[in-house]
Amino acid sequence: MFLNVYRDGRTRTVHKLLYTGDFLDGDFRDLYLNPRFRSEDIYELGEVMNDGSTGRPGNLRIVNATQKEVSYLLIETGWYKLVVLDFKAGATADLSLQYSGGLSCQAQFANSGQRLASAVSIVDTSDSKESRQLSIIVRGGNVAIESPQPGLRPSHCCASDRPDPEHEWLY
């Protein structure tokens, strides 16, 4: 499944890989129920977990600390995806979310083929009920996932249902 975004007669995002299921996987529409716009520039797909369990509460701050517009940020946790579109230079967005096990982000600068990616696993203490503070920050030529609370560990893969960005070209 690929994402194409058009706005005001202009192509904003073309052929962004979202999902690579095969005949053993569920249908995309069954896995990612109730697609909806959370705001004018943020599109949500799916739920945090589709196996009946719930995620942990978190607050997410997204920051574009560059002088360039970001065409899209694809943020994922469990079977839940957020797509932030047309993220302006210097912009900040604050969201609540539930996360499950980890968090990943892929981004691409507007008018550029330069893609960025980062992923972390999140290790929480089992008795922690506190809402985790998370940040995704685009700075320089990188995207970083950070938290003032301990427990973030770098992770290689960006999502369970598709390859990391370096291998997307195979699709």
Protein backbone atom coordinates (compact mmCIF):
# COMPACT_ATOMS: atom_id res chain seq x y z
CA MET A 1 0.00 0.00 0.00
CA PHE A 2 1.41 3.36 -1.01
CA LEU A 3 0.52 6.90 0.03
CA ASN A 4 0.06 9.69 -2.51
CA VAL A 5 -0.91 13.17 -1.30
CA TYR A 6 -2.22 15.99 -3.44
CA ARG A 7 -3.12 19.43 -2.11
CA ASP A 8 -4.15 22.62 -3.89
CA GLY A 9 -3.50 21.01 -7.26
CA ARG A 10 0.07 20.09 -6.32
CA THR A 11 1.60 16.72 -5.64
CA ARG A 12 2.94 16.71 -2.07
CA THR A 13 3.96 13.08 -1.50
CA VAL A 14 4.30 10.35 -4.11
CA HIS A 15 4.54 6.60 -3.66
CA LYS A 16 5.39 6.48 0.08
CA LEU A 17 5.31 2.85 1.16
CA LEU A 18 2.89 2.27 4.07
CA TYR A 19 2.35 -1.49 4.14
CA THR A 20 3.77 -4.63 2.49
CA GLY A 21 1.36 -7.40 3.46
CA ASP A 22 1.26 -10.70 1.61
CA PHE A 23 -1.38 -13.40 1.21
CA LEU A 24 -0.94 -14.52 4.85
CA ASP A 25 -1.59 -11.03 6.24
CA GLY A 26 -4.94 -9.41 6.84
CA ASP A 27 -6.41 -6.91 4.44
CA PHE A 28 -5.05 -3.38 4.88
CA ARG A 29 -8.57 -2.04 5.56
CA ASP A 30 -9.05 -4.61 8.33
CA LEU A 31 -5.68 -3.91 9.95
CA TYR A 32 -5.98 -0.12 9.75
CA LEU A 33 -9.56 0.53 10.73
CA ASN A 34 -11.25 3.91 10.71
CA PRO A 35 -8.73 6.05 8.79
CA ARG A 36 -9.36 9.68 9.68
CA PHE A 37 -7.91 13.16 9.78
CA ARG A 38 -6.93 14.07 13.34
CA SER A 39 -6.43 17.64 12.13
CA GLU A 40 -6.05 19.29 8.75
CA ASP A 41 -2.45 18.08 8.44
CA ILE A 42 -2.41 14.86 10.50
CA TYR A 43 -3.89 11.62 9.17
CA GLU A 44 -4.41 8.60 11.46
CA LEU A 45 -4.57 4.96 10.44
CA GLY A 46 -5.44 2.06 12.71
CA GLU A 47 -5.44 1.62 16.42
CA VAL A 48 -2.52 1.26 18.80
CA MET A 49 -3.14 -2.45 19.21
CA ASN A 50 -5.47 -4.73 17.30
CA ASP A 51 -5.06 -7.72 19.62
CA GLY A 52 -7.22 -6.40 22.48
CA SER A 53 -4.35 -5.07 24.59
CA THR A 54 -3.81 -1.40 25.24
CA GLY A 55 -0.81 0.80 24.86
CA ARG A 56 0.81 3.08 27.38
CA PRO A 57 -0.13 6.76 27.56
CA GLY A 58 2.24 9.27 26.06
CA ASN A 59 2.54 12.87 24.99
CA LEU A 60 4.34 13.47 21.73
CA ARG A 61 5.97 16.73 20.68
CA ILE A 62 6.99 16.92 17.02
CA VAL A 63 9.48 19.66 16.10
CA ASN A 64 10.85 20.75 12.75
CA ALA A 65 14.02 22.53 13.90
CA THR A 66 15.20 23.10 10.32
CA GLN A 67 14.74 25.84 7.75
CA LYS A 68 13.10 23.37 5.34
CA GLU A 69 9.54 22.12 5.04
CA VAL A 70 9.05 18.41 5.69
CA SER A 71 6.77 16.82 3.11
CA TYR A 72 5.68 14.03 5.48
CA LEU A 73 6.50 12.39 8.78
CA LEU A 74 5.27 8.82 9.12
CA ILE A 75 5.10 7.95 12.82
CA GLU A 76 4.31 4.39 13.90
CA THR A 77 3.77 2.36 17.03
CA GLY A 78 2.21 -1.11 17.03
CA TRP A 79 -0.41 -1.19 14.27
CA TYR A 80 -1.02 2.55 14.50
CA LYS A 81 0.24 5.14 12.04
CA LEU A 82 0.21 8.94 12.04
CA VAL A 83 1.09 10.83 8.87
CA VAL A 84 2.00 14.49 9.46
CA LEU A 85 1.79 16.38 6.16
CA ASP A 86 3.47 19.60 5.04
CA PHE A 87 5.27 20.25 8.33
CA LYS A 88 6.59 23.80 8.02
CA ALA A 89 10.10 24.94 8.96
CA GLY A 90 10.20 25.81 12.68
CA ALA A 91 6.80 24.20 13.36
CA THR A 92 5.86 22.32 16.53
CA ALA A 93 2.90 19.99 17.14
CA ASP A 94 1.81 18.45 20.45
CA LEU A 95 -0.26 15.26 20.45
CA SER A 96 -1.40 12.64 22.90
CA LEU A 97 -0.96 9.02 21.87
CA GLN A 98 -0.73 5.53 23.19
CA TYR A 99 2.41 3.65 22.27
CA SER A 100 3.21 -0.02 22.29
CA GLY A 101 6.74 -1.36 22.52
CA GLY A 102 8.42 1.22 20.37
CA LEU A 103 8.15 4.26 18.17
CA SER A 104 9.47 4.90 14.70
CA CYS A 105 9.51 7.86 12.36
CA GLN A 106 10.32 8.36 8.71
CA ALA A 107 10.42 11.78 7.09
CA GLN A 108 11.20 13.41 3.78
CA PHE A 109 12.04 17.02 3.08
CA ALA A 110 9.78 18.77 0.57
CA ASN A 111 11.23 19.17 -2.92
CA SER A 112 13.96 16.68 -2.07
CA GLY A 113 14.61 12.98 -2.21
CA GLN A 114 16.36 13.14 1.17
CA ARG A 115 14.70 10.76 3.61
CA LEU A 116 15.32 10.49 7.33
CA ALA A 117 14.45 7.69 9.74
CA SER A 118 14.74 6.78 13.39
CA ALA A 119 13.31 4.05 15.59
CA VAL A 120 13.45 3.19 19.28
CA SER A 121 12.18 0.44 21.50
CA ILE A 122 10.65 1.74 24.71
CA VAL A 123 11.34 -0.11 27.94
CA ASP A 124 8.99 0.97 30.73
CA THR A 125 8.89 -0.30 34.27
CA SER A 126 5.86 -2.54 34.68
CA ASP A 127 4.35 -0.42 37.47
CA SER A 128 4.78 2.92 35.69
CA LYS A 129 1.46 4.68 35.17
CA GLU A 130 3.07 8.02 34.35
CA SER A 131 2.48 9.40 30.87
CA ARG A 132 5.74 9.24 28.91
CA GLN A 133 7.01 12.43 27.30
CA LEU A 134 8.32 11.75 23.80
CA SER A 135 9.79 14.05 21.17
CA ILE A 136 10.45 13.63 17.48
CA ILE A 137 12.85 16.33 16.34
CA VAL A 138 13.96 16.98 12.77
CA ARG A 139 17.27 18.83 12.93
CA GLY A 140 20.02 19.13 10.37
CA GLY A 141 19.82 16.04 8.21
CA ASN A 142 18.49 13.75 10.94
CA VAL A 143 15.36 12.86 12.84
CA ALA A 144 15.70 11.92 16.51
CA ILE A 145 13.29 10.30 18.95
CA GLU A 146 13.94 11.43 22.51
CA SER A 147 12.46 11.29 26.00
CA PRO A 148 13.54 12.87 29.29
CA GLN A 149 12.52 9.58 30.96
CA PRO A 150 14.92 6.61 30.75
CA GLY A 151 14.15 3.53 28.69
CA LEU A 152 14.65 4.41 25.01
CA ARG A 153 16.86 1.99 23.11
CA PRO A 154 17.89 2.47 19.46
CA SER A 155 16.14 0.04 17.15
CA HIS A 156 16.98 -0.85 13.55
CA CYS A 157 13.57 -1.54 12.06
CA CYS A 158 11.06 1.22 11.53
CA ALA A 159 7.87 -0.84 11.38
CA SER A 160 6.68 -4.39 11.77
CA ASP A 161 4.73 -4.41 8.51
CA ARG A 162 7.29 -2.98 6.05
CA PRO A 163 11.03 -2.65 5.55
CA ASP A 164 13.30 0.09 6.82
CA PRO A 165 13.66 3.10 4.45
CA GLU A 166 16.94 1.88 2.95
CA HIS A 167 15.12 -1.18 1.59
CA GLU A 168 11.88 0.45 0.41
CA TRP A 169 13.19 0.83 -3.13
CA LEU A 170 12.71 -2.92 -3.54
CA TYR A 171 8.97 -2.28 -3.66
